[in-house]
Amino acid sequence: MVSKEEIEHVAKLMRIEIDDHVVHIDRVQKMITYFDILDKANVESEELIVKDQTIDNLRDDEYIPYDDKLLKYLKNYKDSYIRAPKMV
């Protein structure tokens, strides 16, 4: 069972504020229950089918020049700078 203190601790580590811890306790408990079901699925013996590709079967890399300037379509582009959102 997940406790309120564990939810508060994880929220503090993630630097997020949580008002209602009960809602998150139920959600996390459901996720843990689902992971337990996946752990019991016993898929270790399943064989993965991987198709090998040789380099000859891959497409050639081609440089296709683009005539238009893409930077002018950006919202926060000014002169030679792009304004990014503030990092908190």
PDB file of N, CA and C in Angstrom:
ATOM      1  N   MET A   1       0.841  -1.181   0.000  1.00  0.00           N
ATOM      2  CA  MET A   1       0.000   0.000   0.000  1.00  0.00           C
ATOM      3  C   MET A   1       0.886   1.244   0.000  1.00  0.00           C
ATOM      4  N   VAL A   2       0.496   2.209  -0.770  1.00  0.00           N
ATOM      5  CA  VAL A   2       1.219   3.470  -0.859  1.00  0.00           C
ATOM      6  C   VAL A   2       0.690   4.398   0.226  1.00  0.00           C
ATOM      7  N   SER A   3       1.589   5.068   0.916  1.00  0.00           N
ATOM      8  CA  SER A   3       1.159   5.948   1.998  1.00  0.00           C
ATOM      9  C   SER A   3       1.148   7.407   1.555  1.00  0.00           C
ATOM     10  N   LYS A   4       0.453   8.206   2.342  1.00  0.00           N
ATOM     11  CA  LYS A   4       0.378   9.645   2.075  1.00  0.00           C
ATOM     12  C   LYS A   4       1.765  10.272   2.155  1.00  0.00           C
ATOM     13  N   GLU A   5       2.584   9.792   3.081  1.00  0.00           N
ATOM     14  CA  GLU A   5       3.929  10.332   3.248  1.00  0.00           C
ATOM     15  C   GLU A   5       4.796  10.061   2.015  1.00  0.00           C
ATOM     16  N   GLU A   6       4.629   8.880   1.425  1.00  0.00           N
ATOM     17  CA  GLU A   6       5.398   8.559   0.215  1.00  0.00           C
ATOM     18  C   GLU A   6       4.994   9.459  -0.946  1.00  0.00           C
ATOM     19  N   ILE A   7       3.696   9.707  -1.081  1.00  0.00           N
ATOM     20  CA  ILE A   7       3.217  10.609  -2.138  1.00  0.00           C
ATOM     21  C   ILE A   7       3.762  12.013  -1.899  1.00  0.00           C
ATOM     22  N   GLU A   8       3.716  12.479  -0.659  1.00  0.00           N
ATOM     23  CA  GLU A   8       4.243  13.804  -0.336  1.00  0.00           C
ATOM     24  C   GLU A   8       5.738  13.889  -0.627  1.00  0.00           C
ATOM     25  N   HIS A   9       6.470  12.831  -0.294  1.00  0.00           N
ATOM     26  CA  HIS A   9       7.917  12.814  -0.523  1.00  0.00           C
ATOM     27  C   HIS A   9       8.236  12.883  -2.017  1.00  0.00           C
ATOM     28  N   VAL A  10       7.543  12.080  -2.806  1.00  0.00           N
ATOM     29  CA  VAL A  10       7.782  12.082  -4.253  1.00  0.00           C
ATOM     30  C   VAL A  10       7.388  13.429  -4.852  1.00  0.00           C
ATOM     31  N   ALA A  11       6.270  13.987  -4.399  1.00  0.00           N
ATOM     32  CA  ALA A  11       5.842  15.298  -4.898  1.00  0.00           C
ATOM     33  C   ALA A  11       6.874  16.373  -4.555  1.00  0.00           C
ATOM     34  N   LYS A  12       7.449  16.286  -3.368  1.00  0.00           N
ATOM     35  CA  LYS A  12       8.471  17.250  -2.959  1.00  0.00           C
ATOM     36  C   LYS A  12       9.721  17.100  -3.828  1.00  0.00           C
ATOM     37  N   LEU A  13      10.112  15.853  -4.115  1.00  0.00           N
ATOM     38  CA  LEU A  13      11.270  15.622  -4.976  1.00  0.00           C
ATOM     39  C   LEU A  13      11.029  16.156  -6.385  1.00  0.00           C
ATOM     40  N   MET A  14       9.784  16.044  -6.844  1.00  0.00           N
ATOM     41  CA  MET A  14       9.431  16.512  -8.187  1.00  0.00           C
ATOM     42  C   MET A  14       9.111  18.006  -8.209  1.00  0.00           C
ATOM     43  N   ARG A  15       9.086  18.611  -7.026  1.00  0.00           N
ATOM     44  CA  ARG A  15       8.790  20.042  -6.880  1.00  0.00           C
ATOM     45  C   ARG A  15       7.424  20.398  -7.436  1.00  0.00           C
ATOM     46  N   ILE A  16       6.434  19.589  -7.081  1.00  0.00           N
ATOM     47  CA  ILE A  16       5.058  19.892  -7.444  1.00  0.00           C
ATOM     48  C   ILE A  16       4.218  19.942  -6.174  1.00  0.00           C
ATOM     49  N   GLU A  17       3.180  20.761  -6.224  1.00  0.00           N
ATOM     50  CA  GLU A  17       2.289  20.878  -5.079  1.00  0.00           C
ATOM     51  C   GLU A  17       1.053  20.020  -5.327  1.00  0.00           C
ATOM     52  N   ILE A  18       0.696  19.232  -4.327  1.00  0.00           N
ATOM     53  CA  ILE A  18      -0.477  18.368  -4.419  1.00  0.00           C
ATOM     54  C   ILE A  18      -1.402  18.717  -3.267  1.00  0.00           C
ATOM     55  N   ASP A  19      -2.645  19.044  -3.618  1.00  0.00           N
ATOM     56  CA  ASP A  19      -3.623  19.385  -2.589  1.00  0.00           C
ATOM     57  C   ASP A  19      -4.290  18.142  -2.014  1.00  0.00           C
ATOM     58  N   ASP A  20      -4.742  17.258  -2.891  1.00  0.00           N
ATOM     59  CA  ASP A  20      -5.489  16.082  -2.448  1.00  0.00           C
ATOM     60  C   ASP A  20      -4.636  14.834  -2.645  1.00  0.00           C
ATOM     61  N   HIS A  21      -4.017  14.362  -1.582  1.00  0.00           N
ATOM     62  CA  HIS A  21      -3.126  13.205  -1.668  1.00  0.00           C
ATOM     63  C   HIS A  21      -3.890  11.898  -1.843  1.00  0.00           C
ATOM     64  N   VAL A  22      -5.129  11.853  -1.390  1.00  0.00           N
ATOM     65  CA  VAL A  22      -5.922  10.616  -1.445  1.00  0.00           C
ATOM     66  C   VAL A  22      -6.136  10.181  -2.895  1.00  0.00           C
ATOM     67  N   VAL A  23      -6.411  11.135  -3.764  1.00  0.00           N
ATOM     68  CA  VAL A  23      -6.620  10.814  -5.185  1.00  0.00           C
ATOM     69  C   VAL A  23      -5.364  10.176  -5.761  1.00  0.00           C
ATOM     70  N   HIS A  24      -4.228  10.706  -5.430  1.00  0.00           N
ATOM     71  CA  HIS A  24      -2.970  10.194  -5.980  1.00  0.00           C
ATOM     72  C   HIS A  24      -2.599   8.852  -5.363  1.00  0.00           C
ATOM     73  N   ILE A  25      -2.957   8.639  -4.110  1.00  0.00           N
ATOM     74  CA  ILE A  25      -2.692   7.341  -3.486  1.00  0.00           C
ATOM     75  C   ILE A  25      -3.437   6.246  -4.237  1.00  0.00           C
ATOM     76  N   ASP A  26      -4.697   6.487  -4.572  1.00  0.00           N
ATOM     77  CA  ASP A  26      -5.478   5.499  -5.320  1.00  0.00           C
ATOM     78  C   ASP A  26      -4.885   5.250  -6.704  1.00  0.00           C
ATOM     79  N   ARG A  27      -4.482   6.307  -7.380  1.00  0.00           N
ATOM     80  CA  ARG A  27      -3.916   6.163  -8.730  1.00  0.00           C
ATOM     81  C   ARG A  27      -2.600   5.376  -8.705  1.00  0.00           C
ATOM     82  N   VAL A  28      -1.738   5.712  -7.765  1.00  0.00           N
ATOM     83  CA  VAL A  28      -0.448   5.017  -7.677  1.00  0.00           C
ATOM     84  C   VAL A  28      -0.670   3.556  -7.305  1.00  0.00           C
ATOM     85  N   GLN A  29      -1.613   3.296  -6.406  1.00  0.00           N
ATOM     86  CA  GLN A  29      -1.896   1.915  -6.014  1.00  0.00           C
ATOM     87  C   GLN A  29      -2.407   1.101  -7.202  1.00  0.00           C
ATOM     88  N   LYS A  30      -3.253   1.717  -8.052  1.00  0.00           N
ATOM     89  CA  LYS A  30      -3.737   1.027  -9.253  1.00  0.00           C
ATOM     90  C   LYS A  30      -2.581   0.718 -10.206  1.00  0.00           C
ATOM     91  N   MET A  31      -1.633   1.664 -10.342  1.00  0.00           N
ATOM     92  CA  MET A  31      -0.477   1.430 -11.213  1.00  0.00           C
ATOM     93  C   MET A  31       0.376   0.288 -10.681  1.00  0.00           C
ATOM     94  N   ILE A  32       0.608   0.257  -9.380  1.00  0.00           N
ATOM     95  CA  ILE A  32       1.415  -0.809  -8.785  1.00  0.00           C
ATOM     96  C   ILE A  32       0.731  -2.159  -8.952  1.00  0.00           C
ATOM     97  N   THR A  33      -0.589  -2.187  -8.786  1.00  0.00           N
ATOM     98  CA  THR A  33      -1.343  -3.427  -8.992  1.00  0.00           C
ATOM     99  C   THR A  33      -1.210  -3.901 -10.438  1.00  0.00           C
ATOM    100  N   TYR A  34      -1.279  -2.968 -11.379  1.00  0.00           N
ATOM    101  CA  TYR A  34      -1.138  -3.330 -12.789  1.00  0.00           C
ATOM    102  C   TYR A  34       0.267  -3.857 -13.069  1.00  0.00           C
ATOM    103  N   PHE A  35       1.295  -3.239 -12.488  1.00  0.00           N
ATOM    104  CA  PHE A  35       2.662  -3.730 -12.677  1.00  0.00           C
ATOM    105  C   PHE A  35       2.825  -5.128 -12.090  1.00  0.00           C
ATOM    106  N   ASP A  36       2.160  -5.409 -10.988  1.00  0.00           N
ATOM    107  CA  ASP A  36       2.199  -6.758 -10.416  1.00  0.00           C
ATOM    108  C   ASP A  36       1.592  -7.775 -11.381  1.00  0.00           C
ATOM    109  N   ILE A  37       0.497  -7.402 -12.037  1.00  0.00           N
ATOM    110  CA  ILE A  37      -0.133  -8.285 -13.027  1.00  0.00           C
ATOM    111  C   ILE A  37       0.841  -8.539 -14.178  1.00  0.00           C
ATOM    112  N   LEU A  38       1.520  -7.487 -14.640  1.00  0.00           N
ATOM    113  CA  LEU A  38       2.488  -7.652 -15.729  1.00  0.00           C
ATOM    114  C   LEU A  38       3.659  -8.527 -15.312  1.00  0.00           C
ATOM    115  N   ASP A  39       4.086  -8.414 -14.060  1.00  0.00           N
ATOM    116  CA  ASP A  39       5.179  -9.253 -13.568  1.00  0.00           C
ATOM    117  C   ASP A  39       4.800 -10.728 -13.555  1.00  0.00           C
ATOM    118  N   LYS A  40       3.521 -11.040 -13.339  1.00  0.00           N
ATOM    119  CA  LYS A  40       3.065 -12.422 -13.271  1.00  0.00           C
ATOM    120  C   LYS A  40       2.721 -12.994 -14.645  1.00  0.00           C
ATOM    121  N   ALA A  41       2.876 -12.214 -15.699  1.00  0.00           N
ATOM    122  CA  ALA A  41       2.468 -12.633 -17.038  1.00  0.00           C
ATOM    123  C   ALA A  41       3.341 -13.750 -17.602  1.00  0.00           C
ATOM    124  N   ASN A  42       4.538 -13.956 -17.064  1.00  0.00           N
ATOM    125  CA  ASN A  42       5.421 -15.043 -17.484  1.00  0.00           C
ATOM    126  C   ASN A  42       5.715 -14.995 -18.979  1.00  0.00           C
ATOM    127  N   VAL A  43       6.327 -13.910 -19.413  1.00  0.00           N
ATOM    128  CA  VAL A  43       6.673 -13.761 -20.826  1.00  0.00           C
ATOM    129  C   VAL A  43       8.163 -13.972 -21.079  1.00  0.00           C
ATOM    130  N   GLU A  44       8.895 -14.465 -20.079  1.00  0.00           N
ATOM    131  CA  GLU A  44      10.325 -14.678 -20.252  1.00  0.00           C
ATOM    132  C   GLU A  44      10.621 -15.729 -21.318  1.00  0.00           C
ATOM    133  N   SER A  45       9.748 -16.686 -21.456  1.00  0.00           N
ATOM    134  CA  SER A  45       9.999 -17.755 -22.416  1.00  0.00           C
ATOM    135  C   SER A  45       9.563 -17.381 -23.836  1.00  0.00           C
ATOM    136  N   GLU A  46       8.925 -16.248 -24.008  1.00  0.00           N
ATOM    137  CA  GLU A  46       8.492 -15.829 -25.342  1.00  0.00           C
ATOM    138  C   GLU A  46       9.704 -15.452 -26.190  1.00  0.00           C
ATOM    139  N   GLU A  47       9.630 -15.832 -27.450  1.00  0.00           N
ATOM    140  CA  GLU A  47      10.723 -15.537 -28.360  1.00  0.00           C
ATOM    141  C   GLU A  47      10.385 -14.283 -29.157  1.00  0.00           C
ATOM    142  N   LEU A  48      11.309 -13.346 -29.180  1.00  0.00           N
ATOM    143  CA  LEU A  48      11.124 -12.126 -29.954  1.00  0.00           C
ATOM    144  C   LEU A  48      11.561 -12.367 -31.387  1.00  0.00           C
ATOM    145  N   ILE A  49      10.740 -11.946 -32.308  1.00  0.00           N
ATOM    146  CA  ILE A  49      11.066 -12.099 -33.722  1.00  0.00           C
ATOM    147  C   ILE A  49      11.710 -10.799 -34.195  1.00  0.00           C
ATOM    148  N   VAL A  50      12.958 -10.879 -34.573  1.00  0.00           N
ATOM    149  CA  VAL A  50      13.698  -9.713 -35.025  1.00  0.00           C
ATOM    150  C   VAL A  50      14.149  -9.974 -36.444  1.00  0.00           C
ATOM    151  N   LYS A  51      13.807  -9.068 -37.317  1.00  0.00           N
ATOM    152  CA  LYS A  51      14.203  -9.209 -38.715  1.00  0.00           C
ATOM    153  C   LYS A  51      15.466  -8.374 -38.948  1.00  0.00           C
ATOM    154  N   ASP A  52      16.531  -9.040 -39.290  1.00  0.00           N
ATOM    155  CA  ASP A  52      17.787  -8.343 -39.551  1.00  0.00           C
ATOM    156  C   ASP A  52      17.732  -7.684 -40.918  1.00  0.00           C
ATOM    157  N   GLN A  53      18.295  -6.484 -40.987  1.00  0.00           N
ATOM    158  CA  GLN A  53      18.377  -5.754 -42.249  1.00  0.00           C
ATOM    159  C   GLN A  53      19.842  -5.513 -42.579  1.00  0.00           C
ATOM    160  N   THR A  54      20.191  -5.739 -43.800  1.00  0.00           N
ATOM    161  CA  THR A  54      21.540  -5.390 -44.220  1.00  0.00           C
ATOM    162  C   THR A  54      21.545  -3.932 -44.657  1.00  0.00           C
ATOM    163  N   ILE A  55      22.715  -3.361 -44.706  1.00  0.00           N
ATOM    164  CA  ILE A  55      22.824  -1.955 -45.102  1.00  0.00           C
ATOM    165  C   ILE A  55      22.355  -1.763 -46.538  1.00  0.00           C
ATOM    166  N   ASP A  56      22.503  -2.769 -47.353  1.00  0.00           N
ATOM    167  CA  ASP A  56      22.075  -2.665 -48.757  1.00  0.00           C
ATOM    168  C   ASP A  56      20.560  -2.505 -48.875  1.00  0.00           C
ATOM    169  N   ASN A  57      19.816  -3.011 -47.906  1.00  0.00           N
ATOM    170  CA  ASN A  57      18.350  -2.916 -47.962  1.00  0.00           C
ATOM    171  C   ASN A  57      17.808  -1.583 -47.456  1.00  0.00           C
ATOM    172  N   LEU A  58      18.656  -0.761 -46.851  1.00  0.00           N
ATOM    173  CA  LEU A  58      18.215   0.534 -46.335  1.00  0.00           C
ATOM    174  C   LEU A  58      18.269   1.571 -47.443  1.00  0.00           C
ATOM    175  N   ARG A  59      17.468   2.607 -47.288  1.00  0.00           N
ATOM    176  CA  ARG A  59      17.464   3.656 -48.312  1.00  0.00           C
ATOM    177  C   ARG A  59      18.732   4.488 -48.206  1.00  0.00           C
ATOM    178  N   ASP A  60      19.114   5.122 -49.298  1.00  0.00           N
ATOM    179  CA  ASP A  60      20.288   5.990 -49.309  1.00  0.00           C
ATOM    180  C   ASP A  60      19.947   7.316 -48.638  1.00  0.00           C
ATOM    181  N   ASP A  61      20.915   7.848 -47.905  1.00  0.00           N
ATOM    182  CA  ASP A  61      20.753   9.178 -47.344  1.00  0.00           C
ATOM    183  C   ASP A  61      20.962  10.185 -48.461  1.00  0.00           C
ATOM    184  N   GLU A  62      20.013  11.076 -48.603  1.00  0.00           N
ATOM    185  CA  GLU A  62      20.131  12.095 -49.630  1.00  0.00           C
ATOM    186  C   GLU A  62      19.910  13.459 -49.004  1.00  0.00           C
ATOM    187  N   TYR A  63      20.713  14.410 -49.379  1.00  0.00           N
ATOM    188  CA  TYR A  63      20.529  15.774 -48.931  1.00  0.00           C
ATOM    189  C   TYR A  63      19.622  16.476 -49.923  1.00  0.00           C
ATOM    190  N   ILE A  64      18.493  16.939 -49.424  1.00  0.00           N
ATOM    191  CA  ILE A  64      17.561  17.675 -50.272  1.00  0.00           C
ATOM    192  C   ILE A  64      17.495  19.100 -49.722  1.00  0.00           C
ATOM    193  N   PRO A  65      18.052  20.048 -50.444  1.00  0.00           N
ATOM    194  CA  PRO A  65      18.052  21.422 -49.931  1.00  0.00           C
ATOM    195  C   PRO A  65      16.634  21.992 -49.896  1.00  0.00           C
ATOM    196  N   TYR A  66      16.395  22.823 -48.891  1.00  0.00           N
ATOM    197  CA  TYR A  66      15.096  23.476 -48.729  1.00  0.00           C
ATOM    198  C   TYR A  66      15.316  24.956 -48.954  1.00  0.00           C
ATOM    199  N   ASP A  67      14.637  25.517 -49.918  1.00  0.00           N
ATOM    200  CA  ASP A  67      14.887  26.893 -50.324  1.00  0.00           C
ATOM    201  C   ASP A  67      14.370  27.928 -49.329  1.00  0.00           C
ATOM    202  N   ASP A  68      13.263  27.657 -48.687  1.00  0.00           N
ATOM    203  CA  ASP A  68      12.647  28.629 -47.798  1.00  0.00           C
ATOM    204  C   ASP A  68      13.382  28.682 -46.458  1.00  0.00           C
ATOM    205  N   LYS A  69      13.383  29.845 -45.815  1.00  0.00           N
ATOM    206  CA  LYS A  69      13.997  29.984 -44.489  1.00  0.00           C
ATOM    207  C   LYS A  69      12.960  29.611 -43.438  1.00  0.00           C
ATOM    208  N   LEU A  70      13.214  28.531 -42.709  1.00  0.00           N
ATOM    209  CA  LEU A  70      12.260  28.034 -41.721  1.00  0.00           C
ATOM    210  C   LEU A  70      12.193  28.911 -40.482  1.00  0.00           C
ATOM    211  N   LEU A  71      13.271  29.605 -40.159  1.00  0.00           N
ATOM    212  CA  LEU A  71      13.292  30.409 -38.945  1.00  0.00           C
ATOM    213  C   LEU A  71      12.258  31.535 -38.964  1.00  0.00           C
ATOM    214  N   LYS A  72      11.919  32.040 -40.121  1.00  0.00           N
ATOM    215  CA  LYS A  72      10.967  33.152 -40.170  1.00  0.00           C
ATOM    216  C   LYS A  72       9.549  32.709 -39.787  1.00  0.00           C
ATOM    217  N   TYR A  73       9.291  31.415 -39.756  1.00  0.00           N
ATOM    218  CA  TYR A  73       7.969  30.912 -39.376  1.00  0.00           C
ATOM    219  C   TYR A  73       7.819  30.724 -37.870  1.00  0.00           C
ATOM    220  N   LEU A  74       8.902  30.876 -37.121  1.00  0.00           N
ATOM    221  CA  LEU A  74       8.831  30.728 -35.678  1.00  0.00           C
ATOM    222  C   LEU A  74       8.191  31.948 -35.044  1.00  0.00           C
ATOM    223  N   LYS A  75       7.415  31.742 -33.976  1.00  0.00           N
ATOM    224  CA  LYS A  75       6.728  32.842 -33.304  1.00  0.00           C
ATOM    225  C   LYS A  75       7.689  33.772 -32.582  1.00  0.00           C
ATOM    226  N   ASN A  76       8.684  33.208 -31.920  1.00  0.00           N
ATOM    227  CA  ASN A  76       9.572  33.991 -31.070  1.00  0.00           C
ATOM    228  C   ASN A  76      10.946  34.189 -31.699  1.00  0.00           C
ATOM    229  N   TYR A  77      10.972  34.440 -32.975  1.00  0.00           N
ATOM    230  CA  TYR A  77      12.231  34.634 -33.689  1.00  0.00           C
ATOM    231  C   TYR A  77      12.448  36.125 -33.915  1.00  0.00           C
ATOM    232  N   LYS A  78      13.626  36.620 -33.541  1.00  0.00           N
ATOM    233  CA  LYS A  78      13.955  38.018 -33.749  1.00  0.00           C
ATOM    234  C   LYS A  78      15.417  38.112 -34.150  1.00  0.00           C
ATOM    235  N   ASP A  79      15.681  38.724 -35.257  1.00  0.00           N
ATOM    236  CA  ASP A  79      17.032  38.854 -35.812  1.00  0.00           C
ATOM    237  C   ASP A  79      17.661  37.472 -35.954  1.00  0.00           C
ATOM    238  N   SER A  80      18.686  37.198 -35.159  1.00  0.00           N
ATOM    239  CA  SER A  80      19.323  35.884 -35.243  1.00  0.00           C
ATOM    240  C   SER A  80      19.113  35.087 -33.961  1.00  0.00           C
ATOM    241  N   TYR A  81      18.093  35.446 -33.169  1.00  0.00           N
ATOM    242  CA  TYR A  81      17.827  34.786 -31.906  1.00  0.00           C
ATOM    243  C   TYR A  81      16.436  34.162 -31.886  1.00  0.00           C
ATOM    244  N   ILE A  82      16.319  33.084 -31.149  1.00  0.00           N
ATOM    245  CA  ILE A  82      15.028  32.449 -30.912  1.00  0.00           C
ATOM    246  C   ILE A  82      14.780  32.519 -29.419  1.00  0.00           C
ATOM    247  N   ARG A  83      13.654  33.100 -29.034  1.00  0.00           N
ATOM    248  CA  ARG A  83      13.326  33.239 -27.610  1.00  0.00           C
ATOM    249  C   ARG A  83      12.653  31.958 -27.134  1.00  0.00           C
ATOM    250  N   ALA A  84      13.245  31.353 -26.132  1.00  0.00           N
ATOM    251  CA  ALA A  84      12.711  30.123 -25.554  1.00  0.00           C
ATOM    252  C   ALA A  84      11.914  30.449 -24.293  1.00  0.00           C
ATOM    253  N   PRO A  85      11.015  29.559 -23.867  1.00  0.00           N
ATOM    254  CA  PRO A  85      10.265  29.822 -22.635  1.00  0.00           C
ATOM    255  C   PRO A  85      11.192  29.836 -21.422  1.00  0.00           C
ATOM    256  N   LYS A  86      10.761  30.564 -20.390  1.00  0.00           N
ATOM    257  CA  LYS A  86      11.574  30.667 -19.183  1.00  0.00           C
ATOM    258  C   LYS A  86      11.632  29.320 -18.480  1.00  0.00           C
ATOM    259  N   MET A  87      12.790  29.032 -17.939  1.00  0.00           N
ATOM    260  CA  MET A  87      12.974  27.817 -17.143  1.00  0.00           C
ATOM    261  C   MET A  87      12.803  28.192 -15.686  1.00  0.00           C
ATOM    262  N   VAL A  88      11.945  27.475 -15.000  1.00  0.00           N
ATOM    263  CA  VAL A  88      11.678  27.778 -13.596  1.00  0.00           C
ATOM    264  C   VAL A  88      12.519  26.922 -12.704  1.00  0.00           C
TER     265      VAL A  88
END
